[in-house]
Amino acid sequence: TLDYYAIGWFRQAPGEEREGVSCISSSGG
C-alpha cells in the first residue's frame, strides 16, 4: 500500500540530470 509513503515524480532526459518534478506526502497534505 502506498498510504505510508511519500511519492515523488522525477524525470530524466537524454544527457540531462534527473530532476525532481513534484512530490506529495503520504497524506497528500
PDB file of all heavy atoms in Angstrom:
ATOM      1  N   THR A   1       0.825  -1.190   0.000  1.00  0.00           N
ATOM      2  CA  THR A   1       0.000   0.000   0.000  1.00  0.00           C
ATOM      3  C   THR A   1       0.870   1.256   0.000  1.00  0.00           C
ATOM      4  O   THR A   1       1.876   1.324   0.695  1.00  0.00           O
ATOM      5  CB  THR A   1      -0.938   0.013   1.222  1.00  0.00           C
ATOM      6  OG1 THR A   1      -1.699   1.216   1.212  1.00  0.00           O
ATOM      7  CG2 THR A   1      -0.168  -0.085   2.522  1.00  0.00           C
ATOM      8  N   LEU A   2       0.449   2.204  -0.820  1.00  0.00           N
ATOM      9  CA  LEU A   2       1.194   3.449  -0.928  1.00  0.00           C
ATOM     10  C   LEU A   2       0.921   4.404   0.224  1.00  0.00           C
ATOM     11  O   LEU A   2       1.609   5.408   0.359  1.00  0.00           O
ATOM     12  CB  LEU A   2       0.849   4.148  -2.250  1.00  0.00           C
ATOM     13  CG  LEU A   2       1.380   3.515  -3.533  1.00  0.00           C
ATOM     14  CD1 LEU A   2       0.854   4.274  -4.742  1.00  0.00           C
ATOM     15  CD2 LEU A   2       2.886   3.476  -3.554  1.00  0.00           C
ATOM     16  N   ASP A   3      -0.071   4.093   1.043  1.00  0.00           N
ATOM     17  CA  ASP A   3      -0.516   5.022   2.083  1.00  0.00           C
ATOM     18  C   ASP A   3       0.625   5.533   2.964  1.00  0.00           C
ATOM     19  O   ASP A   3       0.587   6.656   3.442  1.00  0.00           O
ATOM     20  CB  ASP A   3      -1.529   4.339   3.017  1.00  0.00           C
ATOM     21  CG  ASP A   3      -2.815   4.006   2.331  1.00  0.00           C
ATOM     22  OD1 ASP A   3      -2.796   3.841   1.103  1.00  0.00           O
ATOM     23  OD2 ASP A   3      -3.830   3.910   3.020  1.00  0.00           O
ATOM     24  N   TYR A   4       1.610   4.670   3.199  1.00  0.00           N
ATOM     25  CA  TYR A   4       2.639   5.014   4.173  1.00  0.00           C
ATOM     26  C   TYR A   4       3.820   5.762   3.571  1.00  0.00           C
ATOM     27  O   TYR A   4       4.777   6.084   4.276  1.00  0.00           O
ATOM     28  CB  TYR A   4       3.149   3.741   4.842  1.00  0.00           C
ATOM     29  CG  TYR A   4       2.062   2.931   5.484  1.00  0.00           C
ATOM     30  CD1 TYR A   4       1.784   1.631   5.049  1.00  0.00           C
ATOM     31  CD2 TYR A   4       1.277   3.451   6.499  1.00  0.00           C
ATOM     32  CE1 TYR A   4       0.774   0.887   5.620  1.00  0.00           C
ATOM     33  CE2 TYR A   4       0.262   2.710   7.079  1.00  0.00           C
ATOM     34  CZ  TYR A   4       0.009   1.434   6.636  1.00  0.00           C
ATOM     35  OH  TYR A   4      -1.005   0.702   7.205  1.00  0.00           O
ATOM     36  N   TYR A   5       3.742   5.997   2.272  1.00  0.00           N
ATOM     37  CA  TYR A   5       4.899   6.548   1.583  1.00  0.00           C
ATOM     38  C   TYR A   5       4.585   7.894   0.936  1.00  0.00           C
ATOM     39  O   TYR A   5       3.521   8.087   0.366  1.00  0.00           O
ATOM     40  CB  TYR A   5       5.376   5.587   0.489  1.00  0.00           C
ATOM     41  CG  TYR A   5       5.829   4.264   1.020  1.00  0.00           C
ATOM     42  CD1 TYR A   5       4.936   3.216   1.162  1.00  0.00           C
ATOM     43  CD2 TYR A   5       7.158   4.072   1.397  1.00  0.00           C
ATOM     44  CE1 TYR A   5       5.349   2.000   1.677  1.00  0.00           C
ATOM     45  CE2 TYR A   5       7.578   2.856   1.899  1.00  0.00           C
ATOM     46  CZ  TYR A   5       6.666   1.832   2.046  1.00  0.00           C
ATOM     47  OH  TYR A   5       7.077   0.631   2.554  1.00  0.00           O
ATOM     48  N   ALA A   6       5.548   8.765   1.021  1.00  0.00           N
ATOM     49  CA  ALA A   6       5.528   9.916   0.135  1.00  0.00           C
ATOM     50  C   ALA A   6       5.940   9.436  -1.249  1.00  0.00           C
ATOM     51  O   ALA A   6       6.708   8.484  -1.376  1.00  0.00           O
ATOM     52  CB  ALA A   6       6.498  10.986   0.636  1.00  0.00           C
ATOM     53  N   ILE A   7       5.410  10.080  -2.257  1.00  0.00           N
ATOM     54  CA  ILE A   7       5.716   9.679  -3.631  1.00  0.00           C
ATOM     55  C   ILE A   7       6.241  10.880  -4.395  1.00  0.00           C
ATOM     56  O   ILE A   7       5.705  11.989  -4.293  1.00  0.00           O
ATOM     57  CB  ILE A   7       4.472   9.136  -4.346  1.00  0.00           C
ATOM     58  CG1 ILE A   7       3.925   7.917  -3.604  1.00  0.00           C
ATOM     59  CG2 ILE A   7       4.799   8.792  -5.801  1.00  0.00           C
ATOM     60  CD1 ILE A   7       4.843   6.710  -3.598  1.00  0.00           C
ATOM     61  N   GLY A   8       7.276  10.639  -5.144  1.00  0.00           N
ATOM     62  CA  GLY A   8       7.837  11.690  -5.978  1.00  0.00           C
ATOM     63  C   GLY A   8       7.804  11.316  -7.440  1.00  0.00           C
ATOM     64  O   GLY A   8       7.923  10.140  -7.786  1.00  0.00           O
ATOM     65  N   TRP A   9       7.635  12.314  -8.266  1.00  0.00           N
ATOM     66  CA  TRP A   9       7.782  12.151  -9.708  1.00  0.00           C
ATOM     67  C   TRP A   9       9.085  12.839 -10.125  1.00  0.00           C
ATOM     68  O   TRP A   9       9.320  14.005  -9.798  1.00  0.00           O
ATOM     69  CB  TRP A   9       6.607  12.778 -10.461  1.00  0.00           C
ATOM     70  CG  TRP A   9       5.369  11.966 -10.445  1.00  0.00           C
ATOM     71  CD1 TRP A   9       4.275  12.130  -9.642  1.00  0.00           C
ATOM     72  CD2 TRP A   9       5.081  10.837 -11.278  1.00  0.00           C
ATOM     73  NE1 TRP A   9       3.333  11.182  -9.926  1.00  0.00           N
ATOM     74  CE2 TRP A   9       3.797  10.370 -10.927  1.00  0.00           C
ATOM     75  CE3 TRP A   9       5.767  10.174 -12.303  1.00  0.00           C
ATOM     76  CZ2 TRP A   9       3.195   9.274 -11.549  1.00  0.00           C
ATOM     77  CZ3 TRP A   9       5.175   9.088 -12.914  1.00  0.00           C
ATOM     78  CH2 TRP A   9       3.904   8.650 -12.541  1.00  0.00           C
ATOM     79  N   PHE A  10       9.886  12.105 -10.854  1.00  0.00           N
ATOM     80  CA  PHE A  10      11.163  12.594 -11.342  1.00  0.00           C
ATOM     81  C   PHE A  10      11.209  12.395 -12.847  1.00  0.00           C
ATOM     82  O   PHE A  10      10.490  11.567 -13.394  1.00  0.00           O
ATOM     83  CB  PHE A  10      12.319  11.823 -10.692  1.00  0.00           C
ATOM     84  CG  PHE A  10      12.369  11.974  -9.198  1.00  0.00           C
ATOM     85  CD1 PHE A  10      11.531  11.221  -8.384  1.00  0.00           C
ATOM     86  CD2 PHE A  10      13.254  12.850  -8.606  1.00  0.00           C
ATOM     87  CE1 PHE A  10      11.571  11.358  -6.999  1.00  0.00           C
ATOM     88  CE2 PHE A  10      13.311  13.000  -7.229  1.00  0.00           C
ATOM     89  CZ  PHE A  10      12.463  12.244  -6.423  1.00  0.00           C
ATOM     90  N   ARG A  11      12.071  13.159 -13.500  1.00  0.00           N
ATOM     91  CA  ARG A  11      12.215  12.958 -14.941  1.00  0.00           C
ATOM     92  C   ARG A  11      13.680  13.071 -15.334  1.00  0.00           C
ATOM     93  O   ARG A  11      14.468  13.739 -14.664  1.00  0.00           O
ATOM     94  CB  ARG A  11      11.377  13.955 -15.729  1.00  0.00           C
ATOM     95  CG  ARG A  11      11.818  15.413 -15.607  1.00  0.00           C
ATOM     96  CD  ARG A  11      10.833  16.328 -16.343  1.00  0.00           C
ATOM     97  NE  ARG A  11      11.212  17.727 -16.264  1.00  0.00           N
ATOM     98  CZ  ARG A  11      10.469  18.736 -16.708  1.00  0.00           C
ATOM     99  NH1 ARG A  11       9.283  18.492 -17.269  1.00  0.00           N
ATOM    100  NH2 ARG A  11      10.891  19.980 -16.596  1.00  0.00           N
ATOM    101  N   GLN A  12      14.013  12.401 -16.397  1.00  0.00           N
ATOM    102  CA  GLN A  12      15.369  12.469 -16.913  1.00  0.00           C
ATOM    103  C   GLN A  12      15.335  12.410 -18.427  1.00  0.00           C
ATOM    104  O   GLN A  12      14.818  11.452 -19.006  1.00  0.00           O
ATOM    105  CB  GLN A  12      16.239  11.349 -16.351  1.00  0.00           C
ATOM    106  CG  GLN A  12      17.714  11.509 -16.701  1.00  0.00           C
ATOM    107  CD  GLN A  12      18.608  10.638 -15.854  1.00  0.00           C
ATOM    108  OE1 GLN A  12      18.190   9.622 -15.311  1.00  0.00           O
ATOM    109  NE2 GLN A  12      19.878  11.033 -15.725  1.00  0.00           N
ATOM    110  N   ALA A  13      15.872  13.434 -19.037  1.00  0.00           N
ATOM    111  CA  ALA A  13      16.005  13.484 -20.486  1.00  0.00           C
ATOM    112  C   ALA A  13      17.412  13.034 -20.861  1.00  0.00           C
ATOM    113  O   ALA A  13      18.331  13.131 -20.041  1.00  0.00           O
ATOM    114  CB  ALA A  13      15.735  14.898 -20.988  1.00  0.00           C
ATOM    115  N   PRO A  14      17.600  12.570 -22.079  1.00  0.00           N
ATOM    116  CA  PRO A  14      18.936  12.139 -22.504  1.00  0.00           C
ATOM    117  C   PRO A  14      19.975  13.233 -22.314  1.00  0.00           C
ATOM    118  O   PRO A  14      19.770  14.383 -22.711  1.00  0.00           O
ATOM    119  CB  PRO A  14      18.737  11.820 -23.991  1.00  0.00           C
ATOM    120  CG  PRO A  14      17.295  11.484 -24.104  1.00  0.00           C
ATOM    121  CD  PRO A  14      16.590  12.387 -23.119  1.00  0.00           C
ATOM    122  N   GLY A  15      21.082  12.889 -21.679  1.00  0.00           N
ATOM    123  CA  GLY A  15      22.150  13.851 -21.471  1.00  0.00           C
ATOM    124  C   GLY A  15      21.908  14.849 -20.368  1.00  0.00           C
ATOM    125  O   GLY A  15      22.746  15.732 -20.139  1.00  0.00           O
ATOM    126  N   GLU A  16      20.772  14.725 -19.695  1.00  0.00           N
ATOM    127  CA  GLU A  16      20.444  15.666 -18.629  1.00  0.00           C
ATOM    128  C   GLU A  16      20.467  14.966 -17.280  1.00  0.00           C
ATOM    129  O   GLU A  16      20.337  13.739 -17.195  1.00  0.00           O
ATOM    130  CB  GLU A  16      19.039  16.258 -18.853  1.00  0.00           C
ATOM    131  CG  GLU A  16      18.854  16.984 -20.167  1.00  0.00           C
ATOM    132  CD  GLU A  16      19.554  18.325 -20.177  1.00  0.00           C
ATOM    133  OE1 GLU A  16      19.724  18.918 -19.091  1.00  0.00           O
ATOM    134  OE2 GLU A  16      19.941  18.788 -21.276  1.00  0.00           O
ATOM    135  N   GLU A  17      20.581  15.756 -16.238  1.00  0.00           N
ATOM    136  CA  GLU A  17      20.498  15.197 -14.895  1.00  0.00           C
ATOM    137  C   GLU A  17      19.031  14.943 -14.542  1.00  0.00           C
ATOM    138  O   GLU A  17      18.134  15.586 -15.061  1.00  0.00           O
ATOM    139  CB  GLU A  17      21.118  16.159 -13.886  1.00  0.00           C
ATOM    140  CG  GLU A  17      22.593  16.385 -14.107  1.00  0.00           C
ATOM    141  CD  GLU A  17      23.329  16.711 -12.822  1.00  0.00           C
ATOM    142  OE1 GLU A  17      22.668  16.953 -11.795  1.00  0.00           O
ATOM    143  OE2 GLU A  17      24.567  16.725 -12.859  1.00  0.00           O
ATOM    144  N   ARG A  18      18.847  14.004 -13.661  1.00  0.00           N
ATOM    145  CA  ARG A  18      17.496  13.731 -13.176  1.00  0.00           C
ATOM    146  C   ARG A  18      16.965  14.935 -12.405  1.00  0.00           C
ATOM    147  O   ARG A  18      17.703  15.560 -11.633  1.00  0.00           O
ATOM    148  CB  ARG A  18      17.515  12.497 -12.273  1.00  0.00           C
ATOM    149  CG  ARG A  18      16.155  12.071 -11.766  1.00  0.00           C
ATOM    150  CD  ARG A  18      16.288  10.792 -10.954  1.00  0.00           C
ATOM    151  NE  ARG A  18      17.244  10.962  -9.870  1.00  0.00           N
ATOM    152  CZ  ARG A  18      17.892   9.951  -9.299  1.00  0.00           C
ATOM    153  NH1 ARG A  18      17.703   8.724  -9.721  1.00  0.00           N
ATOM    154  NH2 ARG A  18      18.731  10.181  -8.319  1.00  0.00           N
ATOM    155  N   GLU A  19      15.719  15.216 -12.606  1.00  0.00           N
ATOM    156  CA  GLU A  19      15.071  16.355 -11.955  1.00  0.00           C
ATOM    157  C   GLU A  19      13.862  15.896 -11.165  1.00  0.00           C
ATOM    158  O   GLU A  19      13.032  15.126 -11.674  1.00  0.00           O
ATOM    159  CB  GLU A  19      14.622  17.379 -13.008  1.00  0.00           C
ATOM    160  CG  GLU A  19      13.885  18.576 -12.442  1.00  0.00           C
ATOM    161  CD  GLU A  19      13.314  19.489 -13.516  1.00  0.00           C
ATOM    162  OE1 GLU A  19      13.187  19.054 -14.679  1.00  0.00           O
ATOM    163  OE2 GLU A  19      12.972  20.643 -13.186  1.00  0.00           O
ATOM    164  N   GLY A  20      13.776  16.357  -9.956  1.00  0.00           N
ATOM    165  CA  GLY A  20      12.576  16.107  -9.156  1.00  0.00           C
ATOM    166  C   GLY A  20      11.480  17.054  -9.614  1.00  0.00           C
ATOM    167  O   GLY A  20      11.628  18.260  -9.484  1.00  0.00           O
ATOM    168  N   VAL A  21      10.420  16.522 -10.152  1.00  0.00           N
ATOM    169  CA  VAL A  21       9.359  17.323 -10.743  1.00  0.00           C
ATOM    170  C   VAL A  21       8.328  17.733  -9.698  1.00  0.00           C
ATOM    171  O   VAL A  21       7.985  18.893  -9.558  1.00  0.00           O
ATOM    172  CB  VAL A  21       8.692  16.546 -11.886  1.00  0.00           C
ATOM    173  CG1 VAL A  21       7.487  17.300 -12.421  1.00  0.00           C
ATOM    174  CG2 VAL A  21       9.695  16.264 -12.997  1.00  0.00           C
ATOM    175  N   SER A  22       7.835  16.732  -8.973  1.00  0.00           N
ATOM    176  CA  SER A  22       6.797  17.006  -7.980  1.00  0.00           C
ATOM    177  C   SER A  22       6.761  15.877  -6.977  1.00  0.00           C
ATOM    178  O   SER A  22       6.980  14.721  -7.335  1.00  0.00           O
ATOM    179  CB  SER A  22       5.425  17.140  -8.660  1.00  0.00           C
ATOM    180  OG  SER A  22       4.430  17.482  -7.713  1.00  0.00           O
ATOM    181  N   CYS A  23       6.481  16.217  -5.732  1.00  0.00           N
ATOM    182  CA  CYS A  23       6.408  15.229  -4.675  1.00  0.00           C
ATOM    183  C   CYS A  23       5.201  15.488  -3.791  1.00  0.00           C
ATOM    184  O   CYS A  23       4.778  16.641  -3.635  1.00  0.00           O
ATOM    185  CB  CYS A  23       7.688  15.245  -3.839  1.00  0.00           C
ATOM    186  SG  CYS A  23       9.161  14.719  -4.754  1.00  0.00           S
ATOM    187  N   ILE A  24       4.682  14.421  -3.219  1.00  0.00           N
ATOM    188  CA  ILE A  24       3.495  14.531  -2.372  1.00  0.00           C
ATOM    189  C   ILE A  24       3.692  13.679  -1.133  1.00  0.00           C
ATOM    190  O   ILE A  24       4.235  12.577  -1.195  1.00  0.00           O
ATOM    191  CB  ILE A  24       2.227  14.119  -3.158  1.00  0.00           C
ATOM    192  CG1 ILE A  24       0.957  14.428  -2.371  1.00  0.00           C
ATOM    193  CG2 ILE A  24       2.283  12.650  -3.580  1.00  0.00           C
ATOM    194  CD1 ILE A  24      -0.310  14.329  -3.212  1.00  0.00           C
ATOM    195  N   SER A  25       3.253  14.199  -0.007  1.00  0.00           N
ATOM    196  CA  SER A  25       3.392  13.468   1.243  1.00  0.00           C
ATOM    197  C   SER A  25       2.426  12.279   1.291  1.00  0.00           C
ATOM    198  O   SER A  25       1.517  12.165   0.462  1.00  0.00           O
ATOM    199  CB  SER A  25       3.134  14.405   2.421  1.00  0.00           C
ATOM    200  OG  SER A  25       1.801  14.905   2.366  1.00  0.00           O
ATOM    201  N   SER A  26       2.604  11.426   2.274  1.00  0.00           N
ATOM    202  CA  SER A  26       1.776  10.224   2.373  1.00  0.00           C
ATOM    203  C   SER A  26       0.298  10.565   2.547  1.00  0.00           C
ATOM    204  O   SER A  26      -0.569   9.877   2.018  1.00  0.00           O
ATOM    205  CB  SER A  26       2.256   9.344   3.521  1.00  0.00           C
ATOM    206  OG  SER A  26       2.233  10.070   4.742  1.00  0.00           O
ATOM    207  N   SER A  27       0.025  11.641   3.252  1.00  0.00           N
ATOM    208  CA  SER A  27      -1.370  12.042   3.467  1.00  0.00           C
ATOM    209  C   SER A  27      -1.924  12.863   2.310  1.00  0.00           C
ATOM    210  O   SER A  27      -3.134  13.049   2.195  1.00  0.00           O
ATOM    211  CB  SER A  27      -1.485  12.861   4.743  1.00  0.00           C
ATOM    212  OG  SER A  27      -0.818  14.108   4.574  1.00  0.00           O
ATOM    213  N   GLY A  28      -1.030  13.382   1.490  1.00  0.00           N
ATOM    214  CA  GLY A  28      -1.452  14.290   0.423  1.00  0.00           C
ATOM    215  C   GLY A  28      -1.509  15.737   0.857  1.00  0.00           C
ATOM    216  O   GLY A  28      -1.810  16.611   0.057  1.00  0.00           O
ATOM    217  N   GLY A  29      -1.207  15.991   2.112  1.00  0.00           N
ATOM    218  CA  GLY A  29      -1.326  17.341   2.635  1.00  0.00           C
ATOM    219  C   GLY A  29      -0.208  18.275   2.253  1.00  0.00           C
ATOM    220  O   GLY A  29      -0.353  19.498   2.330  1.00  0.00           O
TER     221      GLY A  29
END
